[in-house]
């Protein structure tokens, strides 16, 4: 039985990991991720597998996670997420280069690190196009650029004062209220408001402004939904997310369905191939269709809301064969890591 250590930020996969390991009488060591003695404690306890879930809304943790996790791996300990997973976590600029390096099909994406080059290149760009900040989930910090004048204004902002990636937390509130009203759960919105404002206030003053780069992507305007494929080991969980009301963005819409159609097998195959190239145990990929009808990946992340994956009601294997039966991704991760059967 492998010796396991868990760093718990009170977020994500960790709670269910603990439940599953306890049910299977699998002991684990709880550790402090930011302890000066973390590596010493792991070595003394002869830990073989280190588990944690990096929260997207805590900039301090994200800032230092890759260095700490890489140090753990240097000791010969298997980490989840791995340093390769954390390298591009919540970083669309990093993902652009990884997609290019591994030849993972993706929309045409340009990143400029010089304002003059950006202006000259985009003067003859194809509009509309999509502007994104490096970080942000649920379609926050994603804007449609309709003209060269709009792109010039954004370029000026990004290469001068910059832009806070937390702004969209509040601007997204109208959609969240409308979504919960549709689901007759307005009280859920009200109950979450203190937490939402706490996160926003903490990050507003801590997060440095995004500046000195300009990220823009080809707009694939005819997509009414995106396709989320979550690969865990040799299992793929699939659903689609319809666009928000009167909007081109699907991520964070909350409009999820689990019907399958003829395009999903292509996405599943591409997702398994991407995970193989990345060496990823667990990765969620978001796909759109390009102008020829072929799937292209616009984003990836090792972290996600596990309930949506569980509600798939089953999974696809590497042969694109369906297996019935709901499965929590946390369990699938532990299986893929060889900690449980």
Protein backbone atom coordinates (compact mmCIF):
# COMPACT_ATOMS: atom_id res chain seq x y z
CA UNK A 1 0.00 0.00 0.00
CA UNK A 2 1.53 3.29 -1.14
CA UNK A 3 2.13 5.98 1.47
CA UNK A 4 0.07 9.09 0.72
CA UNK A 5 0.29 12.70 1.88
CA UNK A 6 -2.52 15.23 1.35
CA UNK A 7 -2.41 19.03 1.55
CA UNK A 8 -5.94 20.29 2.10
CA UNK A 9 -7.00 23.82 1.17
CA UNK A 10 -10.64 23.02 1.97
CA UNK A 11 -11.38 22.97 -1.72
CA UNK A 12 -12.03 20.72 -4.69
CA UNK A 13 -11.13 17.04 -4.85
CA UNK A 14 -9.54 16.69 -1.43
CA UNK A 15 -12.62 16.10 0.74
CA UNK A 16 -13.83 13.18 -1.35
CA UNK A 17 -10.31 11.75 -1.64
CA UNK A 18 -10.18 11.54 2.14
CA UNK A 19 -13.60 9.86 2.31
CA UNK A 20 -12.67 7.26 -0.29
CA UNK A 21 -9.29 6.46 1.28
CA UNK A 22 -10.84 6.10 4.74
CA UNK A 23 -13.54 3.80 3.36
CA UNK A 24 -10.80 1.61 1.91
CA UNK A 25 -8.76 1.71 5.16
CA UNK A 26 -5.95 3.51 3.35
CA UNK A 27 -3.97 5.69 5.78
CA UNK A 28 -2.72 9.10 4.69
CA UNK A 29 -0.66 11.90 6.17
CA UNK A 30 -2.10 15.43 6.27
CA UNK A 31 0.53 18.09 5.64
CA UNK A 32 0.80 21.87 5.44
CA UNK A 33 1.60 22.88 1.85
CA UNK A 34 3.44 26.01 3.00
CA UNK A 35 5.33 24.50 5.91
CA UNK A 36 9.08 25.09 5.91
CA UNK A 37 9.40 21.44 6.95
CA UNK A 38 7.15 20.04 4.21
CA UNK A 39 9.88 18.24 2.28
CA UNK A 40 11.54 16.99 5.47
CA UNK A 41 8.22 15.60 6.72
CA UNK A 42 7.53 13.88 3.40
CA UNK A 43 10.98 12.28 3.41
CA UNK A 44 10.75 11.14 7.05
CA UNK A 45 7.35 9.58 6.41
CA UNK A 46 8.58 7.93 3.20
CA UNK A 47 5.66 9.36 1.25
CA UNK A 48 5.26 7.96 -2.27
CA UNK A 49 2.26 9.97 -3.52
CA UNK A 50 1.42 13.61 -2.75
CA UNK A 51 -2.12 14.90 -3.39
CA UNK A 52 -3.58 18.39 -3.34
CA UNK A 53 -5.99 20.60 -5.28
CA UNK A 54 -4.73 24.09 -6.13
CA UNK A 55 -7.62 26.59 -5.78
CA UNK A 56 -8.01 28.95 -8.72
CA UNK A 57 -9.15 31.85 -6.53
CA UNK A 58 -6.03 32.01 -4.35
CA UNK A 59 -3.21 33.83 -6.12
CA UNK A 60 -0.63 33.17 -3.39
CA UNK A 61 -1.05 29.42 -3.69
CA UNK A 62 -0.98 29.45 -7.48
CA UNK A 63 2.11 31.66 -7.50
CA UNK A 64 4.29 29.23 -5.54
CA UNK A 65 2.61 25.89 -6.34
CA UNK A 66 4.76 24.92 -9.31
CA UNK A 67 8.03 25.40 -7.38
CA UNK A 68 6.84 23.39 -4.40
CA UNK A 69 5.35 20.58 -6.47
CA UNK A 70 8.44 20.38 -8.67
CA UNK A 71 10.59 20.11 -5.54
CA UNK A 72 8.41 17.22 -4.32
CA UNK A 73 8.85 15.45 -7.65
CA UNK A 74 12.64 15.94 -7.54
CA UNK A 75 12.55 13.86 -4.33
CA UNK A 76 11.07 10.97 -6.35
CA UNK A 77 7.52 11.45 -5.03
CA UNK A 78 4.62 11.26 -7.50
CA UNK A 79 2.51 14.40 -7.23
CA UNK A 80 -1.02 15.19 -8.28
CA UNK A 81 -1.32 17.65 -9.78
CA UNK A 82 2.11 17.24 -11.32
CA UNK A 83 4.40 20.15 -12.13
CA UNK A 84 3.42 19.68 -15.79
CA UNK A 85 -0.25 20.10 -14.83
CA UNK A 86 0.41 23.22 -12.73
CA UNK A 87 2.73 24.80 -15.32
CA UNK A 88 -0.23 25.86 -17.49
CA UNK A 89 -2.96 25.91 -14.82
CA UNK A 90 -5.18 28.97 -15.30
CA UNK A 91 -2.69 30.35 -17.80
CA UNK A 92 -3.99 30.67 -21.36
CA UNK A 93 -0.69 32.08 -22.63
CA UNK A 94 1.18 28.99 -21.42
CA UNK A 95 -1.51 26.76 -22.93
CA UNK A 96 -1.14 28.44 -26.33
CA UNK A 97 2.54 27.50 -26.48
CA UNK A 98 1.94 23.97 -25.18
CA UNK A 99 -0.80 23.41 -27.79
CA UNK A 100 1.63 24.60 -30.47
CA UNK A 101 4.52 22.50 -29.17
CA UNK A 102 2.49 19.29 -28.93
CA UNK A 103 0.48 19.99 -32.10
CA UNK A 104 -2.81 19.85 -30.22
CA UNK A 105 -5.49 21.22 -32.60
CA UNK A 106 -6.56 24.69 -31.43
CA UNK A 107 -7.92 27.93 -32.92
CA UNK A 108 -5.47 30.43 -34.38
CA UNK A 109 -4.09 32.26 -31.35
CA UNK A 110 -1.68 35.18 -31.19
CA UNK A 111 0.19 36.51 -28.16
CA UNK A 112 2.04 39.81 -28.53
CA UNK A 113 4.62 41.10 -26.07
CA UNK A 114 5.19 44.43 -27.82
CA UNK A 115 2.45 47.03 -28.32
CA UNK A 116 3.78 48.23 -31.68
CA UNK A 117 3.92 44.71 -33.10
CA UNK A 118 0.40 44.06 -31.78
CA UNK A 119 -1.01 47.19 -33.44
CA UNK A 120 0.68 46.55 -36.77
CA UNK A 121 -0.41 42.91 -36.84
CA UNK A 122 -4.01 43.53 -35.81
CA UNK A 123 -4.50 46.44 -38.22
CA UNK A 124 -5.12 43.79 -40.84
CA UNK A 125 -6.65 41.23 -38.48
CA UNK A 126 -9.90 39.33 -39.05
CA UNK A 127 -12.73 40.72 -36.91
CA UNK A 128 -14.51 39.89 -34.73
CA UNK A 129 -11.86 38.16 -32.66
CA UNK A 130 -11.70 37.12 -29.00
CA UNK A 131 -9.57 38.87 -26.37
CA UNK A 132 -8.63 36.97 -23.21
CA UNK A 133 -6.61 37.62 -20.12
CA UNK A 134 -4.11 34.96 -19.15
CA UNK A 135 -6.16 33.80 -16.15
CA UNK A 136 -9.81 33.35 -15.25
CA UNK A 137 -12.41 30.57 -15.43
CA UNK A 138 -16.06 30.46 -16.40
CA UNK A 139 -15.53 32.83 -19.37
CA UNK A 140 -14.47 35.72 -17.14
CA UNK A 141 -11.98 38.09 -18.77
CA UNK A 142 -13.16 37.03 -22.25
CA UNK A 143 -14.31 39.78 -24.62
CA UNK A 144 -15.38 40.02 -28.23
CA UNK A 145 -13.32 42.56 -30.24
CA UNK A 146 -15.41 43.89 -33.12
CA UNK A 147 -12.96 46.26 -34.80
CA UNK A 148 -9.39 47.47 -35.03
CA UNK A 149 -10.28 50.53 -32.95
CA UNK A 150 -11.45 48.28 -30.12
CA UNK A 151 -8.27 46.23 -30.30
CA UNK A 152 -6.14 49.42 -30.21
CA UNK A 153 -7.88 50.55 -27.02
CA UNK A 154 -7.31 47.17 -25.39
CA UNK A 155 -3.68 47.12 -26.53
CA UNK A 156 -3.15 50.54 -24.96
CA UNK A 157 -4.68 49.30 -21.70
CA UNK A 158 -2.64 46.09 -21.60
CA UNK A 159 0.66 47.89 -22.28
CA UNK A 160 0.07 50.75 -19.84
CA UNK A 161 -2.02 50.48 -16.67
CA UNK A 162 -3.05 46.89 -17.32
CA UNK A 163 -6.25 45.13 -16.33
CA UNK A 164 -7.26 43.34 -13.14
CA UNK A 165 -8.35 39.76 -13.73
CA UNK A 166 -10.81 40.01 -10.82
CA UNK A 167 -13.09 42.60 -12.40
CA UNK A 168 -15.24 40.05 -14.15
CA UNK A 169 -16.28 38.40 -10.88
CA UNK A 170 -18.84 41.16 -10.38
CA UNK A 171 -19.70 41.73 -14.02
CA UNK A 172 -20.62 38.04 -14.28
CA UNK A 173 -23.10 38.31 -11.41
CA UNK A 174 -26.08 39.20 -13.61
CA UNK A 175 -25.73 35.93 -15.53
CA UNK A 176 -25.43 33.90 -12.33
CA UNK A 177 -28.58 35.46 -10.86
CA UNK A 178 -30.50 34.80 -14.09
CA UNK A 179 -29.27 31.19 -14.17
CA UNK A 180 -30.32 30.47 -10.59
CA UNK A 181 -33.68 32.16 -11.12
CA UNK A 182 -34.25 29.80 -14.05
CA UNK A 183 -33.38 26.89 -11.76
CA UNK A 184 -35.59 28.34 -9.01
CA UNK A 185 -32.65 28.64 -6.64
CA UNK A 186 -32.32 32.38 -6.04
CA UNK A 187 -31.66 31.64 -2.37
CA UNK A 188 -28.52 29.80 -3.46
CA UNK A 189 -27.26 33.00 -5.07
CA UNK A 190 -28.02 35.05 -1.96
CA UNK A 191 -26.30 32.51 0.30
CA UNK A 192 -23.18 32.58 -1.88
CA UNK A 193 -22.87 36.37 -2.09
CA UNK A 194 -20.68 36.76 1.03
CA UNK A 195 -18.24 34.14 -0.27
CA UNK A 196 -18.18 35.70 -3.76
CA UNK A 197 -17.44 39.17 -2.41
CA UNK A 198 -14.84 37.79 0.00
CA UNK A 199 -12.96 36.16 -2.88
CA UNK A 200 -13.26 39.25 -5.06
CA UNK A 201 -12.08 41.64 -2.34
CA UNK A 202 -9.13 39.43 -1.39
CA UNK A 203 -7.91 39.07 -4.94
CA UNK A 204 -8.63 42.67 -5.97
CA UNK A 205 -6.01 43.97 -3.60
CA UNK A 206 -3.56 41.07 -3.88
CA UNK A 207 -3.58 40.24 -7.57
CA UNK A 208 -1.21 42.24 -9.71
CA UNK A 209 -2.69 43.71 -12.85
CA UNK A 210 -2.28 41.74 -16.05
CA UNK A 211 -0.12 43.78 -18.42
CA UNK A 212 2.61 43.77 -21.06
CA UNK A 213 1.03 41.14 -23.28
CA UNK A 214 -1.95 40.93 -25.62
CA UNK A 215 -3.75 37.61 -26.20
CA UNK A 216 -6.27 37.26 -29.02
CA UNK A 217 -7.87 34.25 -30.63
CA UNK A 218 -9.78 33.45 -33.79
CA UNK A 219 -13.51 33.69 -33.15
CA UNK A 220 -15.47 30.57 -34.11
CA UNK A 221 -18.81 32.32 -34.20
CA UNK A 222 -21.17 29.54 -35.31
CA UNK A 223 -20.76 27.42 -32.16
CA UNK A 224 -23.86 27.28 -29.96
CA UNK A 225 -22.09 25.18 -27.32
CA UNK A 226 -18.69 23.85 -26.35
CA UNK A 227 -17.82 20.22 -25.61
CA UNK A 228 -16.08 19.39 -22.33
CA UNK A 229 -14.08 16.16 -22.33
CA UNK A 230 -12.51 15.24 -19.00
CA UNK A 231 -9.90 12.52 -19.28
CA UNK A 232 -8.89 10.64 -16.13
CA UNK A 233 -6.51 7.80 -16.82
CA UNK A 234 -8.22 5.67 -19.46
CA UNK A 235 -11.68 7.12 -18.83
CA UNK A 236 -13.30 10.08 -20.60
CA UNK A 237 -16.36 11.93 -19.29
CA UNK A 238 -18.25 14.06 -21.81
CA UNK A 239 -20.91 16.76 -21.76
CA UNK A 240 -21.69 19.93 -23.64
CA UNK A 241 -22.40 23.42 -22.35
CA UNK A 242 -24.78 25.66 -24.25
CA UNK A 243 -23.86 29.30 -24.68
CA UNK A 244 -25.11 31.92 -22.25
CA UNK A 245 -28.21 33.87 -23.19
CA UNK A 246 -27.43 36.29 -26.04
CA UNK A 247 -23.73 35.54 -25.72
CA UNK A 248 -20.97 33.65 -27.57
CA UNK A 249 -19.49 32.14 -24.37
CA UNK A 250 -20.37 28.68 -23.07
CA UNK A 251 -17.96 28.23 -20.16
CA UNK A 252 -19.66 29.15 -16.90
CA UNK A 253 -23.11 29.23 -18.51
CA UNK A 254 -24.48 26.46 -16.29
CA UNK A 255 -26.52 25.15 -19.25
CA UNK A 256 -25.20 21.59 -19.32
CA UNK A 257 -26.61 18.54 -21.06
CA UNK A 258 -25.32 15.01 -21.45
CA UNK A 259 -26.72 14.03 -24.86
CA UNK A 260 -24.23 12.56 -27.29
CA UNK A 261 -23.95 13.14 -31.00
CA UNK A 262 -21.65 12.15 -33.86
CA UNK A 263 -18.96 14.76 -33.17
CA UNK A 264 -18.15 13.66 -29.64
CA UNK A 265 -16.04 10.60 -30.59
CA UNK A 266 -13.61 12.90 -32.41
CA UNK A 267 -13.30 15.08 -29.33
CA UNK A 268 -12.78 12.04 -27.10
CA UNK A 269 -10.02 10.70 -29.34
CA UNK A 270 -8.28 14.06 -29.43
CA UNK A 271 -8.54 14.41 -25.65
CA UNK A 272 -6.99 10.98 -25.00
CA UNK A 273 -4.18 11.86 -27.43
CA UNK A 274 -3.58 15.22 -25.72
CA UNK A 275 -3.40 13.60 -22.28
CA UNK A 276 -0.92 11.06 -23.62
CA UNK A 277 1.29 13.83 -25.01
CA UNK A 278 1.02 15.86 -21.80
CA UNK A 279 1.54 12.88 -19.51
CA UNK A 280 -1.57 13.98 -17.63
CA UNK A 281 -3.46 11.80 -15.15
CA UNK A 282 -6.47 14.11 -15.17
CA UNK A 283 -7.27 16.93 -17.57
CA UNK A 284 -10.45 18.65 -18.74
CA UNK A 285 -10.45 19.92 -22.34
CA UNK A 286 -12.89 22.41 -23.87
CA UNK A 287 -13.59 22.02 -27.59
CA UNK A 288 -15.26 24.14 -30.26
CA UNK A 289 -15.71 23.34 -33.94
CA UNK A 290 -13.59 25.23 -36.46
CA UNK A 291 -14.80 26.52 -39.83
CA UNK A 292 -14.35 23.06 -41.37
CA UNK A 293 -16.35 21.35 -38.62
CA UNK A 294 -13.31 19.82 -36.91
CA UNK A 295 -12.89 20.00 -33.10
CA UNK A 296 -10.28 22.39 -31.73
CA UNK A 297 -9.24 22.78 -28.11
CA UNK A 298 -9.55 26.26 -26.61
CA UNK A 299 -8.55 25.55 -23.02
CA UNK A 300 -7.55 22.85 -20.54
CA UNK A 301 -7.37 22.47 -16.76
CA UNK A 302 -6.63 19.70 -14.27
CA UNK A 303 -9.20 21.24 -11.87
CA UNK A 304 -12.97 21.46 -12.35
CA UNK A 305 -16.31 21.00 -10.61
CA UNK A 306 -16.55 17.25 -10.04
CA UNK A 307 -20.36 17.05 -9.80
CA UNK A 308 -20.78 17.86 -13.51
CA UNK A 309 -18.48 14.95 -14.36
CA UNK A 310 -20.32 12.59 -12.01
CA UNK A 311 -23.63 13.47 -13.69
CA UNK A 312 -22.32 12.09 -16.99
CA UNK A 313 -23.65 8.76 -15.72
CA UNK A 314 -20.76 6.81 -17.19
CA UNK A 315 -17.58 7.15 -19.22
CA UNK A 316 -15.91 6.30 -22.53
CA UNK A 317 -12.76 4.17 -22.75
CA UNK A 318 -9.80 4.62 -25.10
CA UNK A 319 -11.60 2.51 -27.73
CA UNK A 320 -14.50 5.02 -27.59
CA UNK A 321 -16.76 2.42 -25.96
CA UNK A 322 -19.40 3.54 -23.47
CA UNK A 323 -19.45 2.20 -19.88
CA UNK A 324 -22.62 2.84 -17.90
CA UNK A 325 -22.44 3.94 -14.27
CA UNK A 326 -21.82 7.27 -12.58
CA UNK A 327 -18.32 7.69 -11.17
CA UNK A 328 -16.84 10.52 -9.15
CA UNK A 329 -13.69 11.85 -10.83
CA UNK A 330 -11.93 11.83 -7.45
CA UNK A 331 -12.29 8.04 -7.39
CA UNK A 332 -11.11 7.78 -11.00
CA UNK A 333 -8.01 9.85 -10.11
CA UNK A 334 -7.13 7.58 -7.18
CA UNK A 335 -7.59 4.55 -9.45
CA UNK A 336 -5.38 6.09 -12.15
CA UNK A 337 -2.67 6.75 -9.55
CA UNK A 338 -2.83 3.11 -8.43
CA UNK A 339 -3.99 3.99 -4.88
CA UNK A 340 -7.28 2.07 -5.05
CA UNK A 341 -8.86 -0.54 -7.30
